Amino acid sequence: EYYFPTIVDLMPVVESDDGKVDFRNLNLIHNVKKGELLAQRFPAEEGKTGQTVTGKVIYPPKVNTPTLVAGRDTVFDASGVRLMAAKDGHACMSENKPSIISLYTVQHDVNFAVGNIDFVGNVQIKGDVKSGFSVRAGGDIEILGMVEAAQVFAEGNILIKNGIFGAGKCHLYAGGNIVAKYVENATLKALKDVIVNDSISRSQIKAGGKIKVNNYAGDILGGHLEALEEITAGVFGSDLHVPTELELGIEPKFRQEYVELLGKFGEKKKSLLALEGYINEYKNYRENKKDISESYRRTMNERLRSYSGIRNEILAFEEKLQVFEDELAKLEHGTVKATQKVYPGVKVTIVKNTFEVETDLGRTMFIIDKGEVKPVPLRG
């Protein structure tokens, strides 16, 4: 008995709420986790003897025990009859054997013939991702064509050999890097870097590391770009003075956590100072050999225990604050660089301090100096 579909059925999903047919979800992928049961071999059962209407005995045909052969990345358990997945992936029949595929490959475009993709491993698409479709992967996604107004989500990296033409309806998310030839009218978020070869136009981009346009004359035109470490391109804006916002900053959630942590740290410090006052008073009593009541002694013992606990909490807070402050320090050393030109209409923000470009600038690097964002000539 098999516990995954052994025959590919191209029937679309019927949405139960209104009876409509979803032609984008074809359920072509059967994701399994390591250790999941794929198939089980049951012993053959002999048939029963029968007879004809004339009383002639009919013997059942000989029954052979069914064979079950382990395919790629599958393994039998100790019983020898239960076949399990040896890794995460797509369960399918390959050469008549249950197998696991960790790289799911689409030989052409992601369209109505393929449907949406949701795969636990890596995905390779040898064509385009067409408008209205989605691709999700637990690993990396490689797209040899382009991405239209589609949704692409990867826990790893996203590599797009051509560009992204989002029409305002394209969303990409990567737990690693996003790399593309160009980006136009799309929304991107990468926990690491966003690397583009030619240009970024009218897009909303967030990166946990850097945003870079590698082409020496490549431009960033319009939109809002936010990175933690660096934003670099050949040209910022255009001679039409298109509003273009570039920001080195931290996400509001990060800032809120930092402020809350500072508040808690301050409260604990106040509590510690108050306890130190009581403890010093107690030491003076003992040094002067004054009579100390039993109730006062018990109270002070409790305060001493509290003092020790609060000191440990403060040490933990200091470690957490150091992590936040290290991230903030990156911003102070972060840069926004244009290797060719900067046009009016560009707004540069570093750690919530903003500089608005009002005249044409040549090769420029924006830095934060004494709490202010300043443009300085880029040399070299």
Protein backbone atom coordinates (compact mmCIF):
# COMPACT_ATOMS: atom_id res chain seq x y z
CA GLU A 1 0.00 0.00 0.00
CA TYR A 2 1.32 3.45 -0.95
CA TYR A 3 0.74 6.51 1.21
CA PHE A 4 1.40 9.11 -1.48
CA PRO A 5 -0.08 9.65 -4.97
CA THR A 6 1.64 7.27 -7.40
CA ILE A 7 -0.13 8.68 -10.46
CA VAL A 8 0.05 12.37 -11.41
CA ASP A 9 -3.48 13.76 -11.65
CA LEU A 10 -3.74 17.13 -13.37
CA MET A 11 -7.20 17.85 -12.02
CA PRO A 12 -7.42 21.33 -10.44
CA VAL A 13 -8.56 21.90 -6.87
CA VAL A 14 -12.24 22.63 -6.27
CA GLU A 15 -12.63 25.31 -3.62
CA SER A 16 -15.24 24.01 -1.18
CA ASP A 17 -16.64 27.38 -0.08
CA ASP A 18 -18.19 28.45 -3.36
CA GLY A 19 -17.56 25.51 -5.66
CA LYS A 20 -15.19 27.45 -7.89
CA VAL A 21 -12.31 25.65 -9.53
CA ASP A 22 -8.79 26.89 -8.72
CA PHE A 23 -6.77 26.21 -11.86
CA ARG A 24 -3.59 27.53 -10.23
CA ASN A 25 -3.43 24.76 -7.59
CA LEU A 26 -2.93 21.40 -9.29
CA ASN A 27 -1.41 19.51 -6.32
CA LEU A 28 1.46 18.14 -8.39
CA ILE A 29 3.86 18.08 -5.43
CA HIS A 30 3.52 15.73 -2.46
CA ASN A 31 5.80 17.05 0.29
CA VAL A 32 7.03 14.59 2.91
CA LYS A 33 9.30 14.90 5.92
CA LYS A 34 12.21 12.65 6.86
CA GLY A 35 10.90 9.54 8.62
CA GLU A 36 7.43 9.75 7.05
CA LEU A 37 5.84 6.46 5.94
CA LEU A 38 5.76 6.10 2.14
CA ALA A 39 4.67 2.51 1.56
CA GLN A 40 4.07 -0.76 3.37
CA ARG A 41 4.24 -4.35 2.12
CA PHE A 42 1.55 -6.70 3.43
CA PRO A 43 1.88 -10.51 3.20
CA ALA A 44 -0.09 -12.17 0.41
CA GLU A 45 -3.23 -14.04 1.40
CA GLU A 46 -4.03 -17.36 -0.28
CA GLY A 47 -7.41 -17.57 -1.97
CA LYS A 48 -10.08 -20.08 -0.96
CA THR A 49 -10.93 -23.29 -2.82
CA GLY A 50 -14.24 -23.22 -4.69
CA GLN A 51 -16.26 -25.49 -6.96
CA THR A 52 -18.28 -25.37 -10.13
CA VAL A 53 -22.03 -26.07 -10.38
CA THR A 54 -21.14 -29.66 -11.27
CA GLY A 55 -19.13 -30.06 -8.12
CA LYS A 56 -15.68 -29.80 -9.69
CA VAL A 57 -13.11 -28.37 -7.30
CA ILE A 58 -11.51 -25.06 -8.31
CA TYR A 59 -8.16 -24.28 -6.73
CA PRO A 60 -7.15 -20.64 -6.23
CA PRO A 61 -4.26 -19.29 -8.30
CA LYS A 62 -0.88 -19.10 -6.64
CA VAL A 63 -0.35 -15.74 -4.96
CA ASN A 64 3.07 -14.08 -4.98
CA THR A 65 4.16 -11.76 -2.20
CA PRO A 66 4.28 -8.22 -3.65
CA THR A 67 7.71 -6.65 -4.07
CA LEU A 68 8.59 -3.26 -2.62
CA VAL A 69 11.94 -1.79 -3.63
CA ALA A 70 13.52 1.25 -2.02
CA GLY A 71 14.17 4.11 -4.43
CA ARG A 72 16.35 7.20 -4.07
CA ASP A 73 16.53 8.62 -0.53
CA THR A 74 14.16 6.03 0.97
CA VAL A 75 14.89 3.37 3.57
CA PHE A 76 13.15 0.41 5.20
CA ASP A 77 12.57 0.44 8.94
CA ALA A 78 13.61 -2.42 11.22
CA SER A 79 10.58 -4.51 10.23
CA GLY A 80 11.70 -4.60 6.60
CA VAL A 81 8.17 -3.99 5.34
CA ARG A 82 7.68 -0.26 5.98
CA LEU A 83 9.43 2.11 3.57
CA MET A 84 10.26 5.54 5.01
CA ALA A 85 11.52 8.84 3.62
CA ALA A 86 15.24 9.29 4.35
CA LYS A 87 15.04 13.07 3.87
CA ASP A 88 12.59 15.89 3.26
CA GLY A 89 11.35 16.25 -0.31
CA HIS A 90 8.79 15.35 -2.97
CA ALA A 91 7.53 11.74 -2.89
CA CYS A 92 7.01 10.20 -6.33
CA MET A 93 7.42 6.99 -8.30
CA SER A 94 10.69 6.83 -10.22
CA GLU A 95 11.50 3.70 -12.24
CA ASN A 96 8.60 2.00 -10.42
CA LYS A 97 10.20 2.68 -7.04
CA PRO A 98 9.09 5.13 -4.33
CA SER A 99 11.65 7.93 -4.35
CA ILE A 100 12.33 11.31 -2.75
CA ILE A 101 13.35 14.32 -4.83
CA SER A 102 15.03 17.20 -2.96
CA LEU A 103 15.28 19.45 -6.06
CA TYR A 104 12.00 20.14 -7.83
CA THR A 105 12.59 21.22 -11.44
CA VAL A 106 10.09 22.91 -13.75
CA GLN A 107 11.24 22.56 -17.36
CA HIS A 108 9.34 25.63 -18.61
CA ASP A 109 7.17 28.48 -17.27
CA VAL A 110 5.15 28.38 -14.06
CA ASN A 111 1.68 28.79 -15.56
CA PHE A 112 -1.66 27.00 -15.71
CA ALA A 113 0.05 23.83 -16.96
CA VAL A 114 2.14 23.67 -13.77
CA GLY A 115 0.13 25.57 -11.16
CA ASN A 116 1.40 27.03 -7.91
CA ILE A 117 4.47 25.40 -6.38
CA ASP A 118 4.94 24.68 -2.68
CA PHE A 119 8.00 22.50 -2.04
CA VAL A 120 10.01 21.67 1.07
CA GLY A 121 13.37 21.64 -0.74
CA ASN A 122 15.06 23.59 -3.55
CA VAL A 123 13.19 24.67 -6.69
CA GLN A 124 14.60 25.32 -10.16
CA ILE A 125 12.41 26.94 -12.83
CA LYS A 126 13.78 26.95 -16.38
CA GLY A 127 11.28 29.53 -17.60
CA ASP A 128 9.30 32.47 -16.19
CA VAL A 129 6.97 32.75 -13.21
CA LYS A 130 3.82 34.13 -14.80
CA SER A 131 1.44 36.66 -13.27
CA GLY A 132 -0.93 35.39 -10.62
CA PHE A 133 1.10 32.31 -9.64
CA SER A 134 3.15 31.58 -6.52
CA VAL A 135 6.32 29.63 -5.78
CA ARG A 136 7.28 28.65 -2.23
CA ALA A 137 10.35 26.67 -1.20
CA GLY A 138 11.90 25.48 2.03
CA GLY A 139 15.32 25.94 0.40
CA ASP A 140 16.61 28.03 -2.51
CA ILE A 141 14.72 29.10 -5.65
CA GLU A 142 16.51 29.51 -8.99
CA ILE A 143 14.54 31.08 -11.86
CA LEU A 144 16.23 31.09 -15.26
CA GLY A 145 13.61 33.39 -16.77
CA MET A 146 11.85 36.39 -15.26
CA VAL A 147 9.22 37.01 -12.59
CA GLU A 148 6.01 38.84 -13.45
CA ALA A 149 3.25 39.92 -11.00
CA ALA A 150 3.76 36.77 -8.93
CA GLN A 151 4.58 35.69 -5.38
CA VAL A 152 7.96 34.04 -4.67
CA PHE A 153 8.94 32.96 -1.14
CA ALA A 154 12.10 31.05 -0.15
CA GLU A 155 13.55 30.15 3.22
CA GLY A 156 16.92 30.25 1.47
CA ASN A 157 18.10 32.39 -1.45
CA ILE A 158 16.25 33.57 -4.57
CA LEU A 159 18.28 33.79 -7.81
CA ILE A 160 16.58 35.26 -10.90
CA LYS A 161 18.73 35.14 -14.06
CA ASN A 162 16.55 37.73 -15.80
CA GLY A 163 14.59 40.43 -14.04
CA ILE A 164 11.46 41.20 -12.07
CA PHE A 165 8.64 43.05 -13.82
CA GLY A 166 6.17 43.28 -10.98
CA ALA A 167 3.47 45.69 -12.20
CA GLY A 168 2.94 46.64 -8.56
CA LYS A 169 1.71 43.14 -7.65
CA CYS A 170 4.92 41.17 -7.23
CA HIS A 171 6.14 40.12 -3.77
CA LEU A 172 9.40 38.30 -3.02
CA TYR A 173 10.71 37.13 0.35
CA ALA A 174 14.01 35.37 1.02
CA GLY A 175 15.52 34.11 4.25
CA GLY A 176 18.88 34.65 2.53
CA ASN A 177 19.81 36.80 -0.48
CA ILE A 178 17.81 37.98 -3.50
CA VAL A 179 19.77 38.30 -6.75
CA ALA A 180 18.25 39.57 -10.03
CA LYS A 181 19.20 41.30 -13.28
CA TYR A 182 16.75 44.17 -12.70
CA VAL A 183 13.79 45.02 -10.45
CA GLU A 184 10.81 47.06 -11.62
CA ASN A 185 7.71 47.95 -9.60
CA ALA A 186 7.98 45.11 -7.07
CA THR A 187 8.14 44.54 -3.31
CA LEU A 188 11.16 42.63 -2.00
CA LYS A 189 12.34 41.61 1.44
CA ALA A 190 15.57 39.71 2.13
CA LEU A 191 16.99 38.90 5.54
CA LYS A 192 20.46 39.27 3.98
CA ASP A 193 21.42 41.16 0.79
CA VAL A 194 19.57 42.30 -2.33
CA ILE A 195 21.98 42.30 -5.29
CA VAL A 196 20.82 43.66 -8.67
CA ASN A 197 22.89 43.84 -11.83
CA ASP A 198 21.29 46.67 -13.86
CA SER A 199 18.65 48.82 -12.15
CA ILE A 200 15.97 49.16 -9.47
CA SER A 201 12.89 51.14 -10.45
CA ARG A 202 9.84 52.21 -8.39
CA SER A 203 10.16 49.34 -5.92
CA GLN A 204 9.81 48.78 -2.19
CA ILE A 205 12.84 46.88 -0.88
CA LYS A 206 14.04 45.89 2.58
CA ALA A 207 17.33 44.12 3.23
CA GLY A 208 18.86 42.92 6.48
CA GLY A 209 22.30 43.51 4.94
CA LYS A 210 23.05 45.49 1.76
CA ILE A 211 21.23 46.70 -1.33
CA LYS A 212 23.63 46.95 -4.29
CA VAL A 213 23.28 47.68 -7.99
CA ASN A 214 26.46 46.18 -9.39
CA ASN A 215 26.52 47.90 -12.79
CA TYR A 216 28.77 50.96 -12.53
CA ALA A 217 26.10 53.15 -14.16
CA GLY A 218 23.11 51.22 -12.80
CA ASP A 219 20.42 53.34 -11.19
CA ILE A 220 17.92 53.38 -8.36
CA LEU A 221 14.88 55.33 -9.50
CA GLY A 222 11.83 55.98 -7.31
CA GLY A 223 10.43 53.83 -4.54
CA HIS A 224 11.63 53.24 -0.98
CA LEU A 225 14.73 51.19 -0.22
CA GLU A 226 15.79 50.26 3.29
CA ALA A 227 18.94 48.38 4.32
CA LEU A 228 20.88 47.83 7.51
CA GLU A 229 24.46 48.19 6.22
CA GLU A 230 24.75 49.81 2.78
CA ILE A 231 22.92 51.09 -0.31
CA THR A 232 25.05 51.45 -3.45
CA ALA A 233 24.30 52.24 -7.12
CA GLY A 234 25.67 54.29 -9.98
CA VAL A 235 22.85 56.85 -10.06
CA PHE A 236 20.20 57.84 -7.51
CA GLY A 237 17.04 59.42 -8.96
CA SER A 238 16.72 61.07 -12.39
CA ASP A 239 16.67 64.47 -14.08
CA LEU A 240 12.87 64.39 -13.66
CA HIS A 241 13.44 64.63 -9.89
CA VAL A 242 11.48 61.44 -9.19
CA PRO A 243 11.03 61.01 -5.39
CA THR A 244 13.47 58.31 -4.28
CA GLU A 245 13.83 57.35 -0.62
CA LEU A 246 16.95 55.57 0.63
CA GLU A 247 17.19 54.60 4.26
CA LEU A 248 19.70 52.90 6.50
CA GLY A 249 17.67 51.95 9.52
CA ILE A 250 16.22 49.30 11.71
CA GLU A 251 12.72 47.93 11.59
CA PRO A 252 10.18 49.53 13.98
CA LYS A 253 9.82 46.22 15.84
CA PHE A 254 13.58 46.13 16.49
CA ARG A 255 13.57 49.72 17.74
CA GLN A 256 10.53 49.07 19.96
CA GLU A 257 12.19 46.03 21.53
CA TYR A 258 15.32 48.09 22.17
CA VAL A 259 13.36 50.91 23.86
CA GLU A 260 11.39 48.43 25.99
CA LEU A 261 14.61 46.68 27.01
CA LEU A 262 16.18 50.00 28.01
CA GLY A 263 13.12 50.76 30.15
CA LYS A 264 13.26 47.42 31.94
CA PHE A 265 17.00 47.78 32.43
CA GLY A 266 16.49 51.20 34.04
CA GLU A 267 13.80 49.86 36.39
CA LYS A 268 16.06 47.03 37.53
CA LYS A 269 18.92 49.46 38.15
CA LYS A 270 16.64 51.59 40.35
CA SER A 271 15.55 48.53 42.30
CA LEU A 272 19.17 47.51 42.76
CA LEU A 273 20.15 50.97 44.05
CA ALA A 274 17.28 50.91 46.55
CA LEU A 275 18.34 47.49 47.82
CA GLU A 276 21.96 48.64 48.09
CA GLY A 277 20.76 51.42 50.41
CA TYR A 278 19.00 48.91 52.67
CA ILE A 279 22.01 46.60 52.63
CA ASN A 280 24.44 49.40 53.57
CA GLU A 281 22.13 50.39 56.41
CA TYR A 282 22.09 46.77 57.60
CA LYS A 283 25.90 46.62 57.49
CA ASN A 284 26.13 49.77 59.62
CA TYR A 285 23.79 48.26 62.20
CA ARG A 286 25.93 45.14 62.43
CA GLU A 287 29.24 47.05 62.54
CA ASN A 288 27.93 49.25 65.35
CA LYS A 289 26.68 46.13 67.14
CA LYS A 290 23.18 47.48 67.41
CA ASP A 291 20.39 45.16 68.37
CA ILE A 292 18.72 43.63 65.33
CA SER A 293 15.27 42.15 65.64
CA GLU A 294 14.51 38.75 64.16
CA SER A 295 11.88 40.18 61.82
CA TYR A 296 14.36 42.79 60.54
CA ARG A 297 16.97 40.06 60.04
CA ARG A 298 14.46 37.98 58.00
CA THR A 299 13.53 41.02 55.92
CA MET A 300 17.16 41.74 55.15
CA ASN A 301 17.85 38.11 54.19
CA GLU A 302 14.98 38.34 51.70
CA ARG A 303 16.40 41.60 50.36
CA LEU A 304 19.83 40.03 49.97
CA ARG A 305 18.32 37.19 47.93
CA SER A 306 16.42 39.72 45.81
CA TYR A 307 19.63 41.70 45.33
CA SER A 308 21.41 38.63 43.96
CA GLY A 309 18.53 37.82 41.61
CA ILE A 310 18.27 41.37 40.28
CA ARG A 311 22.04 41.53 39.69
CA ASN A 312 21.76 38.40 37.51
CA GLU A 313 18.83 39.93 35.62
CA ILE A 314 20.82 43.11 35.01
CA LEU A 315 23.74 41.09 33.62
CA ALA A 316 21.33 39.34 31.23
CA PHE A 317 19.85 42.69 30.17
CA GLU A 318 23.34 44.07 29.53
CA GLU A 319 24.12 41.15 27.20
CA LYS A 320 20.89 41.70 25.24
CA LEU A 321 21.47 45.45 25.05
CA GLN A 322 24.96 44.83 23.69
CA VAL A 323 23.46 42.88 20.78
CA PHE A 324 21.11 45.77 19.98
CA GLU A 325 23.89 48.34 20.29
CA ASP A 326 26.16 46.35 17.99
CA GLU A 327 23.43 46.50 15.33
CA LEU A 328 22.98 50.23 15.87
CA ALA A 329 26.74 50.72 15.56
CA LYS A 330 26.59 49.15 12.10
CA LEU A 331 24.23 51.93 11.05
CA GLU A 332 26.63 54.60 12.24
CA HIS A 333 29.30 53.09 9.98
CA GLY A 334 26.86 52.33 7.16
CA THR A 335 26.98 54.27 3.91
CA VAL A 336 24.80 55.28 0.99
CA LYS A 337 26.97 55.59 -2.14
CA ALA A 338 26.37 56.80 -5.69
CA THR A 339 29.32 56.08 -7.99
CA GLN A 340 28.07 58.44 -10.75
CA LYS A 341 25.40 60.99 -9.84
CA VAL A 342 22.63 61.99 -7.42
CA TYR A 343 19.62 64.03 -8.56
CA PRO A 344 17.24 66.28 -6.60
CA GLY A 345 14.24 64.39 -5.30
CA VAL A 346 16.42 61.87 -3.49
CA LYS A 347 15.96 61.64 0.26
CA VAL A 348 18.62 59.86 2.34
CA THR A 349 17.88 58.78 5.91
CA ILE A 350 20.44 57.27 8.29
CA VAL A 351 19.36 56.36 11.83
CA LYS A 352 16.27 58.60 11.49
CA ASN A 353 18.33 61.62 10.39
CA THR A 354 17.39 62.84 6.90
CA PHE A 355 19.10 64.74 4.10
CA GLU A 356 17.11 65.91 1.06
CA VAL A 357 19.07 66.44 -2.13
CA GLU A 358 18.23 69.83 -3.69
CA THR A 359 20.97 70.18 -6.32
CA ASP A 360 22.75 67.76 -8.66
CA LEU A 361 25.61 65.93 -6.97
CA GLY A 362 28.44 63.98 -8.55
CA ARG A 363 30.05 60.88 -7.08
CA THR A 364 28.79 61.04 -3.52
CA MET A 365 28.81 59.10 -0.29
CA PHE A 366 26.29 59.94 2.44
CA ILE A 367 27.47 59.40 5.99
CA ILE A 368 26.26 60.31 9.47
CA ASP A 369 28.47 62.81 11.24
CA LYS A 370 27.63 64.18 14.69
CA GLY A 371 24.03 63.16 14.34
CA GLU A 372 23.57 64.65 10.86
CA VAL A 373 23.51 63.07 7.42
CA LYS A 374 26.12 64.69 5.19
CA PRO A 375 27.09 64.19 1.52
CA VAL A 376 30.82 63.89 0.93
CA PRO A 377 32.68 63.43 -2.38
CA LEU A 378 33.34 59.81 -3.22
CA ARG A 379 37.01 59.40 -4.08
CA GLY A 380 38.87 56.63 -5.81
